Amino acid sequence: MLSRWMNTAIIATAIIILIGVTQVYTENAAAGRSLSKAAGLEQLLHTADDVIEHADQWVIKWQAEGKGDARAQAAKLAVSLGLADPVQILQTGHHVYRSEGTVGVSGSAVEVLLNAADTEEDRYYIIVQLLGGKKLDRQRLLTLHEQVGEIMAESGLQASWNMSVQGMLPTKDASKASMGDADKKTGEPFAGIEAKLFRELHMMEVERYEDTDTKSVSYQAAELPLQVQSGPHMLNMQLAVHQISGQGDTRVTVGFPVITIEY
């Protein structure tokens, strides 16, 4: 749990630095329909199923900038979310107020993490994360997701959200990926996953990153409900395949509109 909080602190600090960037996450009106928060999430979960057969991590991040007292806002949100009183720590010179809780039974529960960070005089940044594991109760996640959006709106926050899903390739596929030259390690499994997505979505490659162990591509897919501006392009989805050094395992991550966890 401590390591999770440390990771959250790093994320919070990064968002403090990149506030101007994080604010460009938007609902995608280009799809020509207005989706509820739950319906939008359900669509992304379906798309993630095409990418990852056995996901073991789901992370939804709600985030918003606000004006006023970070401590007071954190306390208000904690009550609304059913969490304990936030605790205060000092992170890279900023006061951060945190609380956590679990909704549901062990194994299929959804963890809720709240962070409120002072960013400058009389301003703050809020992050509410929903985390699920291998036996995630999807209906509970859908319900919580919509509730968090409503709670943040009722608190006067203009919040945006993103989602990342992660899992391992099946052993037989990972074994194939670990054999051969560096390009085949990630290239072959990536191509197979990408082919599935092209059958489901009208999408176009926009950005690409590759090294010996990782391949990552960002896409424009206007029918998906989230988007972010990157230069002259809009991104709706990012896919990454990573060969874990020294283990022979291959990890797959998909993010909407981009990946916001380590891949």
Protein backbone atom coordinates (compact mmCIF):
# COMPACT_ATOMS: atom_id res chain seq x y z
CA MET A 1 0.00 0.00 0.00
CA LEU A 2 2.86 2.36 0.80
CA SER A 3 4.37 1.84 -2.64
CA ARG A 4 0.99 2.64 -4.21
CA TRP A 5 0.83 5.90 -2.28
CA MET A 6 4.38 6.73 -3.36
CA ASN A 7 3.44 6.14 -6.99
CA THR A 8 0.35 8.29 -6.54
CA ALA A 9 2.50 11.05 -5.08
CA ILE A 10 4.76 10.95 -8.11
CA ILE A 11 1.73 11.11 -10.39
CA ALA A 12 0.30 14.02 -8.43
CA THR A 13 3.59 15.90 -8.66
CA ALA A 14 3.80 15.29 -12.38
CA ILE A 15 0.28 16.61 -12.83
CA ILE A 16 1.15 19.70 -10.82
CA ILE A 17 3.97 20.39 -13.26
CA LEU A 18 1.86 19.58 -16.32
CA ILE A 19 -1.45 21.20 -15.39
CA GLY A 20 -1.76 22.91 -18.75
CA VAL A 21 -1.43 19.57 -20.52
CA THR A 22 -3.82 17.56 -18.38
CA GLN A 23 -6.61 20.05 -18.88
CA VAL A 24 -7.02 19.12 -22.55
CA TYR A 25 -8.71 15.77 -21.82
CA THR A 26 -12.26 16.13 -23.11
CA GLU A 27 -15.37 14.16 -23.86
CA ASN A 28 -15.42 13.33 -27.57
CA ALA A 29 -18.42 14.98 -29.23
CA ALA A 30 -17.15 13.97 -32.67
CA ALA A 31 -18.82 10.59 -32.31
CA GLY A 32 -22.15 12.35 -32.80
CA ARG A 33 -23.73 11.11 -29.57
CA SER A 34 -23.86 12.08 -25.93
CA LEU A 35 -22.81 9.19 -23.69
CA SER A 36 -23.29 9.00 -19.96
CA LYS A 37 -20.09 8.54 -17.99
CA ALA A 38 -20.99 4.88 -17.38
CA ALA A 39 -21.84 4.27 -21.05
CA GLY A 40 -18.56 5.85 -22.13
CA LEU A 41 -16.64 3.67 -19.70
CA GLU A 42 -18.54 0.58 -20.82
CA GLN A 43 -17.52 1.27 -24.42
CA LEU A 44 -13.87 1.59 -23.41
CA LEU A 45 -14.01 -1.61 -21.35
CA HIS A 46 -15.33 -3.43 -24.41
CA THR A 47 -12.48 -2.04 -26.51
CA ALA A 48 -9.95 -3.02 -23.84
CA ASP A 49 -11.29 -6.58 -23.95
CA ASP A 50 -10.23 -6.74 -27.61
CA VAL A 51 -6.70 -5.80 -26.55
CA ILE A 52 -6.13 -7.75 -23.33
CA GLU A 53 -7.57 -11.21 -22.80
CA HIS A 54 -6.86 -11.38 -19.07
CA ALA A 55 -6.44 -7.89 -17.62
CA ASP A 56 -5.07 -7.60 -14.10
CA GLN A 57 -5.16 -3.84 -13.56
CA TRP A 58 -7.77 -1.19 -14.32
CA VAL A 59 -7.03 2.44 -13.41
CA ILE A 60 -9.50 5.30 -13.87
CA LYS A 61 -8.30 8.78 -12.99
CA TRP A 62 -10.65 11.69 -12.45
CA GLN A 63 -8.81 15.01 -12.22
CA ALA A 64 -9.66 18.68 -11.89
CA GLU A 65 -8.13 22.01 -11.01
CA GLY A 66 -9.84 24.26 -8.50
CA LYS A 67 -9.57 27.51 -6.62
CA GLY A 68 -9.72 27.72 -2.85
CA ASP A 69 -8.57 25.64 0.11
CA ALA A 70 -7.18 22.23 -0.92
CA ARG A 71 -7.61 20.82 2.59
CA ALA A 72 -11.27 21.83 2.75
CA GLN A 73 -12.01 20.46 -0.72
CA ALA A 74 -10.25 17.19 0.10
CA ALA A 75 -12.27 16.83 3.31
CA LYS A 76 -15.52 17.54 1.46
CA LEU A 77 -14.76 15.02 -1.27
CA ALA A 78 -13.66 12.40 1.26
CA VAL A 79 -17.03 12.61 3.03
CA SER A 80 -18.93 12.37 -0.27
CA LEU A 81 -16.83 9.40 -1.38
CA GLY A 82 -17.19 7.62 1.96
CA LEU A 83 -13.47 7.88 2.76
CA ALA A 84 -11.62 8.66 5.98
CA ASP A 85 -10.40 12.16 6.80
CA PRO A 86 -7.48 13.03 4.49
CA VAL A 87 -3.97 13.05 5.93
CA GLN A 88 -1.49 15.76 5.03
CA ILE A 89 2.04 15.22 3.73
CA LEU A 90 4.60 17.49 2.12
CA GLN A 91 5.62 16.42 -1.40
CA THR A 92 8.25 18.43 -3.35
CA GLY A 93 7.28 21.56 -1.46
CA HIS A 94 3.52 21.11 -1.95
CA HIS A 95 0.94 20.12 0.65
CA VAL A 96 -0.91 16.99 -0.45
CA TYR A 97 -4.05 15.72 1.29
CA ARG A 98 -4.79 12.01 0.85
CA SER A 99 -7.37 9.43 1.70
CA GLU A 100 -8.18 5.91 0.55
CA GLY A 101 -10.85 3.28 0.86
CA THR A 102 -12.18 0.05 -0.62
CA VAL A 103 -15.64 -0.61 -2.02
CA GLY A 104 -16.80 -4.22 -2.30
CA VAL A 105 -15.56 -7.58 -1.07
CA SER A 106 -11.95 -8.70 -1.10
CA GLY A 107 -10.72 -9.84 -4.50
CA SER A 108 -13.34 -8.04 -6.58
CA ALA A 109 -13.20 -4.74 -4.68
CA VAL A 110 -12.52 -1.35 -6.20
CA GLU A 111 -9.97 0.83 -4.42
CA VAL A 112 -10.61 4.57 -4.23
CA LEU A 113 -7.64 6.93 -3.82
CA LEU A 114 -8.07 10.68 -3.27
CA ASN A 115 -5.27 13.22 -3.61
CA ALA A 116 -5.63 17.00 -3.34
CA ALA A 117 -2.44 19.01 -3.90
CA ASP A 118 -1.76 22.72 -3.41
CA THR A 119 -0.33 23.99 -6.70
CA GLU A 120 -0.01 27.71 -6.11
CA GLU A 121 -1.55 30.37 -3.91
CA ASP A 122 -5.26 29.62 -3.44
CA ARG A 123 -5.30 26.89 -6.11
CA TYR A 124 -5.22 23.10 -5.98
CA TYR A 125 -5.35 19.97 -8.11
CA ILE A 126 -7.58 16.98 -7.35
CA ILE A 127 -7.06 13.38 -8.46
CA VAL A 128 -9.53 10.61 -7.64
CA GLN A 129 -8.40 7.17 -8.76
CA LEU A 130 -10.44 3.98 -9.05
CA LEU A 131 -8.32 0.82 -9.14
CA GLY A 132 -9.43 -2.73 -9.85
CA GLY A 133 -7.59 -6.06 -10.01
CA LYS A 134 -7.96 -9.41 -11.76
CA LYS A 135 -11.40 -10.20 -10.33
CA LEU A 136 -12.80 -6.72 -10.83
CA ASP A 137 -16.55 -6.28 -10.31
CA ARG A 138 -17.25 -4.29 -13.48
CA GLN A 139 -20.74 -3.25 -12.48
CA ARG A 140 -19.39 -1.78 -9.26
CA LEU A 141 -16.69 0.05 -11.23
CA LEU A 142 -19.29 1.49 -13.64
CA THR A 143 -21.44 2.67 -10.74
CA LEU A 144 -18.52 4.21 -8.83
CA HIS A 145 -17.22 5.89 -11.97
CA GLU A 146 -20.51 7.68 -12.54
CA GLN A 147 -20.80 8.58 -8.86
CA VAL A 148 -17.33 10.13 -8.76
CA GLY A 149 -18.16 12.27 -11.80
CA GLU A 150 -21.38 13.46 -10.15
CA ILE A 151 -19.67 14.16 -6.81
CA MET A 152 -16.92 16.22 -8.43
CA ALA A 153 -19.47 18.17 -10.48
CA GLU A 154 -21.55 18.85 -7.35
CA SER A 155 -18.36 20.15 -5.72
CA GLY A 156 -18.01 22.73 -8.48
CA LEU A 157 -15.15 20.94 -10.23
CA GLN A 158 -14.90 20.65 -14.01
CA ALA A 159 -13.36 17.20 -13.99
CA SER A 160 -11.99 15.07 -16.81
CA TRP A 161 -11.15 11.37 -16.74
CA ASN A 162 -8.96 8.80 -18.42
CA MET A 163 -8.53 5.05 -18.16
CA SER A 164 -5.65 2.60 -18.50
CA VAL A 165 -5.96 -1.20 -18.57
CA GLN A 166 -3.04 -3.61 -18.26
CA GLY A 167 -2.41 -7.35 -18.40
CA MET A 168 0.08 -10.01 -19.42
CA LEU A 169 0.15 -11.89 -22.69
CA PRO A 170 -0.88 -15.56 -22.31
CA THR A 171 2.17 -17.73 -21.57
CA LYS A 172 2.29 -19.35 -25.00
CA ASP A 173 2.18 -15.96 -26.73
CA ALA A 174 4.74 -14.48 -24.35
CA SER A 175 7.08 -17.43 -25.00
CA LYS A 176 6.89 -16.79 -28.73
CA ALA A 177 7.50 -13.10 -28.17
CA SER A 178 10.62 -13.77 -26.08
CA MET A 179 12.23 -15.77 -28.89
CA GLY A 180 13.91 -14.34 -31.95
CA ASP A 181 15.29 -10.87 -32.60
CA ALA A 182 14.40 -7.71 -30.70
CA ASP A 183 11.80 -6.59 -33.22
CA LYS A 184 9.82 -9.83 -32.86
CA LYS A 185 9.74 -9.55 -29.07
CA THR A 186 7.14 -6.81 -29.20
CA GLY A 187 6.39 -6.46 -32.90
CA GLU A 188 4.60 -9.76 -33.47
CA PRO A 189 2.26 -9.65 -30.45
CA PHE A 190 1.62 -5.97 -31.13
CA ALA A 191 0.62 -6.67 -34.73
CA GLY A 192 -1.87 -9.32 -33.63
CA ILE A 193 -3.52 -7.02 -31.09
CA GLU A 194 -3.58 -4.12 -33.52
CA ALA A 195 -5.26 -6.27 -36.18
CA LYS A 196 -8.12 -7.01 -33.75
CA LEU A 197 -8.57 -3.32 -33.08
CA PHE A 198 -8.62 -2.41 -36.76
CA ARG A 199 -11.50 -4.86 -37.20
CA GLU A 200 -13.46 -3.11 -34.44
CA LEU A 201 -12.56 0.56 -34.91
CA HIS A 202 -11.98 3.11 -37.63
CA MET A 203 -8.58 4.28 -36.44
CA MET A 204 -5.42 5.91 -37.72
CA GLU A 205 -1.89 5.78 -36.34
CA VAL A 206 -0.67 9.19 -35.19
CA GLU A 207 2.42 8.71 -33.00
CA ARG A 208 4.89 5.85 -32.51
CA TYR A 209 7.67 4.95 -30.06
CA GLU A 210 9.90 1.87 -30.23
CA ASP A 211 12.99 0.53 -28.50
CA THR A 212 14.38 -2.98 -27.94
CA ASP A 213 11.78 -3.92 -25.32
CA THR A 214 8.82 -1.63 -25.98
CA LYS A 215 6.50 -0.67 -28.79
CA SER A 216 3.88 2.04 -28.32
CA VAL A 217 1.49 3.59 -30.84
CA SER A 218 -1.13 6.31 -30.34
CA TYR A 219 -4.22 6.43 -32.54
CA GLN A 220 -7.01 8.66 -33.61
CA ALA A 221 -10.33 6.79 -33.36
CA ALA A 222 -13.14 9.32 -33.38
CA GLU A 223 -15.84 6.88 -32.24
CA LEU A 224 -14.18 6.51 -28.82
CA PRO A 225 -15.54 8.85 -26.12
CA LEU A 226 -12.30 10.49 -24.90
CA GLN A 227 -9.73 12.57 -26.73
CA VAL A 228 -6.64 14.66 -26.10
CA GLN A 229 -4.86 17.16 -28.33
CA SER A 230 -1.29 16.29 -29.33
CA GLY A 231 0.17 18.86 -31.69
CA PRO A 232 -2.17 19.14 -34.67
CA HIS A 233 -3.81 15.77 -33.95
CA MET A 234 -6.45 14.39 -31.61
CA LEU A 235 -5.58 11.14 -29.83
CA ASN A 236 -8.20 8.69 -28.59
CA MET A 237 -6.21 5.58 -27.68
CA GLN A 238 -2.64 4.42 -26.98
CA LEU A 239 -1.45 0.81 -27.14
CA ALA A 240 1.85 -0.45 -25.73
CA VAL A 241 3.55 -3.86 -25.58
CA HIS A 242 6.57 -4.22 -23.28
CA GLN A 243 8.95 -7.16 -22.83
CA ILE A 244 9.82 -7.29 -19.12
CA SER A 245 13.59 -7.43 -18.79
CA GLY A 246 14.98 -10.72 -17.46
CA GLN A 247 11.58 -12.39 -17.06
CA GLY A 248 10.48 -13.35 -20.55
CA ASP A 249 7.01 -11.97 -19.79
CA THR A 250 5.22 -9.53 -22.06
CA ARG A 251 2.94 -6.83 -20.67
CA VAL A 252 0.19 -5.15 -22.69
CA THR A 253 -1.28 -1.76 -21.79
CA VAL A 254 -4.02 0.27 -23.43
CA GLY A 255 -4.96 3.82 -22.45
CA PHE A 256 -7.84 6.11 -23.31
CA PRO A 257 -7.06 8.65 -24.59
CA VAL A 258 -3.43 7.92 -23.59
CA ILE A 259 -1.70 5.61 -21.11
CA THR A 260 -1.23 7.25 -17.70
CA ILE A 261 0.43 4.35 -15.84
CA GLU A 262 3.83 2.70 -16.23
CA TYR A 263 3.93 0.29 -19.16
